[in-house]
Amino acid sequence: MNAFYAILFATALLLQEPQPTGIPASFSGTFKTAEHGRIVVEVEGGETMRMYVTHSTKYFRNGKPVKLSDFQNGDHVNVDAERDVRMNLVAVRVEAVKQPPNHPK
């Protein structure tokens, strides 16, 4: 019977939603897409970052709360993220911002 409870406990841990650990990070980039509980943001240098989103993730545009579905491919965004217990990035706050002006060299 103890093996049953051990398996049940392990399964519950695996199914648990990732919880942020409080290690903040901020990213600026271009919103690409939302896919299967994650967002994809292209950051400087063309690298792509995938971050989990949860029911606690907050979304903003022009200082007002919006839904994830209000973001479009190409929107410039600032993302505040934390690491969960599995060291995955979890987006805490996603905000659409105006594209910074390109300065010709």
Protein backbone atom coordinates (compact mmCIF):
# COMPACT_ATOMS: atom_id res chain seq x y z
CA MET A 1 0.00 0.00 0.00
CA ASN A 2 2.93 2.38 0.67
CA ALA A 3 4.12 1.99 -2.94
CA PHE A 4 0.65 3.08 -4.11
CA TYR A 5 0.85 6.30 -2.07
CA ALA A 6 4.40 6.95 -3.28
CA ILE A 7 3.28 6.65 -6.91
CA LEU A 8 0.22 8.79 -6.24
CA PHE A 9 2.38 11.48 -4.61
CA ALA A 10 4.94 11.41 -7.45
CA THR A 11 2.15 11.72 -10.04
CA ALA A 12 0.65 14.68 -8.19
CA LEU A 13 4.05 16.42 -8.19
CA LEU A 14 4.47 15.87 -11.93
CA LEU A 15 1.00 17.22 -12.71
CA GLN A 16 1.42 20.25 -10.47
CA GLU A 17 1.61 23.60 -12.25
CA PRO A 18 5.12 25.06 -12.16
CA GLN A 19 5.43 27.61 -9.34
CA PRO A 20 7.81 30.58 -9.62
CA THR A 21 10.70 30.64 -7.17
CA GLY A 22 11.11 34.41 -6.99
CA ILE A 23 14.23 34.84 -9.12
CA PRO A 24 13.27 37.78 -11.37
CA ALA A 25 14.48 38.38 -14.91
CA SER A 26 13.36 40.89 -17.53
CA PHE A 27 13.46 40.55 -21.29
CA SER A 28 12.62 42.84 -24.19
CA GLY A 29 11.87 41.46 -27.59
CA THR A 30 9.33 40.69 -30.25
CA PHE A 31 6.27 38.58 -29.47
CA LYS A 32 6.10 35.67 -31.90
CA THR A 33 3.34 33.32 -30.74
CA ALA A 34 1.60 31.57 -27.89
CA GLU A 35 1.70 27.79 -27.95
CA HIS A 36 0.61 25.09 -25.48
CA GLY A 37 0.88 27.13 -22.29
CA ARG A 38 3.97 29.03 -23.41
CA ILE A 39 4.82 32.23 -25.19
CA VAL A 40 7.62 32.62 -27.70
CA VAL A 41 9.60 35.87 -27.72
CA GLU A 42 12.47 36.73 -30.06
CA VAL A 43 15.14 38.63 -28.14
CA GLU A 44 18.18 40.59 -29.30
CA GLY A 45 20.44 38.65 -31.60
CA GLY A 46 17.56 36.65 -33.06
CA GLU A 47 17.46 34.12 -30.24
CA THR A 48 14.05 32.66 -29.43
CA MET A 49 12.92 32.22 -25.83
CA ARG A 50 10.01 30.03 -24.78
CA MET A 51 8.47 30.84 -21.41
CA TYR A 52 5.61 29.17 -19.60
CA VAL A 53 2.48 31.18 -18.86
CA THR A 54 0.09 30.35 -16.02
CA HIS A 55 -3.27 31.58 -14.81
CA SER A 56 -1.28 34.08 -12.71
CA THR A 57 0.52 35.65 -15.69
CA LYS A 58 -0.63 39.27 -16.22
CA TYR A 59 -0.87 40.92 -19.65
CA PHE A 60 -0.86 44.67 -20.35
CA ARG A 61 -1.12 47.08 -23.28
CA ASN A 62 -1.07 50.88 -22.86
CA GLY A 63 -1.03 50.38 -19.08
CA LYS A 64 -4.33 48.47 -19.13
CA PRO A 65 -4.92 44.77 -18.51
CA VAL A 66 -5.54 42.70 -21.65
CA LYS A 67 -5.76 39.02 -22.60
CA LEU A 68 -3.01 36.91 -24.12
CA SER A 69 -5.10 36.66 -27.29
CA ASP A 70 -4.68 40.45 -27.74
CA PHE A 71 -0.98 40.00 -28.58
CA GLN A 72 0.02 39.73 -32.23
CA ASN A 73 3.11 38.41 -33.96
CA GLY A 74 5.53 41.34 -34.16
CA ASP A 75 4.40 43.21 -31.04
CA HIS A 76 7.35 44.61 -29.09
CA VAL A 77 7.09 43.34 -25.51
CA ASN A 78 8.75 43.53 -22.12
CA VAL A 79 8.50 40.33 -20.13
CA ASP A 80 9.19 39.83 -16.43
CA ALA A 81 9.84 36.18 -15.66
CA GLU A 82 10.86 33.92 -12.80
CA ARG A 83 12.29 30.43 -12.59
CA ASP A 84 10.06 27.66 -11.30
CA VAL A 85 11.28 24.78 -9.13
CA ARG A 86 12.32 22.91 -12.30
CA MET A 87 14.29 26.00 -13.44
CA ASN A 88 11.85 26.69 -16.31
CA LEU A 89 11.13 30.33 -17.14
CA VAL A 90 7.61 31.38 -16.16
CA ALA A 91 6.31 34.70 -17.48
CA VAL A 92 4.85 36.76 -14.64
CA ARG A 93 4.09 39.96 -16.56
CA VAL A 94 3.93 40.58 -20.32
CA GLU A 95 3.51 44.14 -21.55
CA ALA A 96 3.20 45.39 -25.13
CA VAL A 97 5.33 48.51 -25.57
CA LYS A 98 5.93 50.90 -28.43
CA GLN A 99 8.73 49.84 -30.74
CA PRO A 100 11.87 51.80 -29.89
CA PRO A 101 13.03 54.01 -32.78
CA ASN A 102 15.76 52.62 -35.01
CA HIS A 103 18.79 54.89 -34.96
CA PRO A 104 20.69 54.76 -38.25
CA LYS A 105 24.44 54.49 -37.86
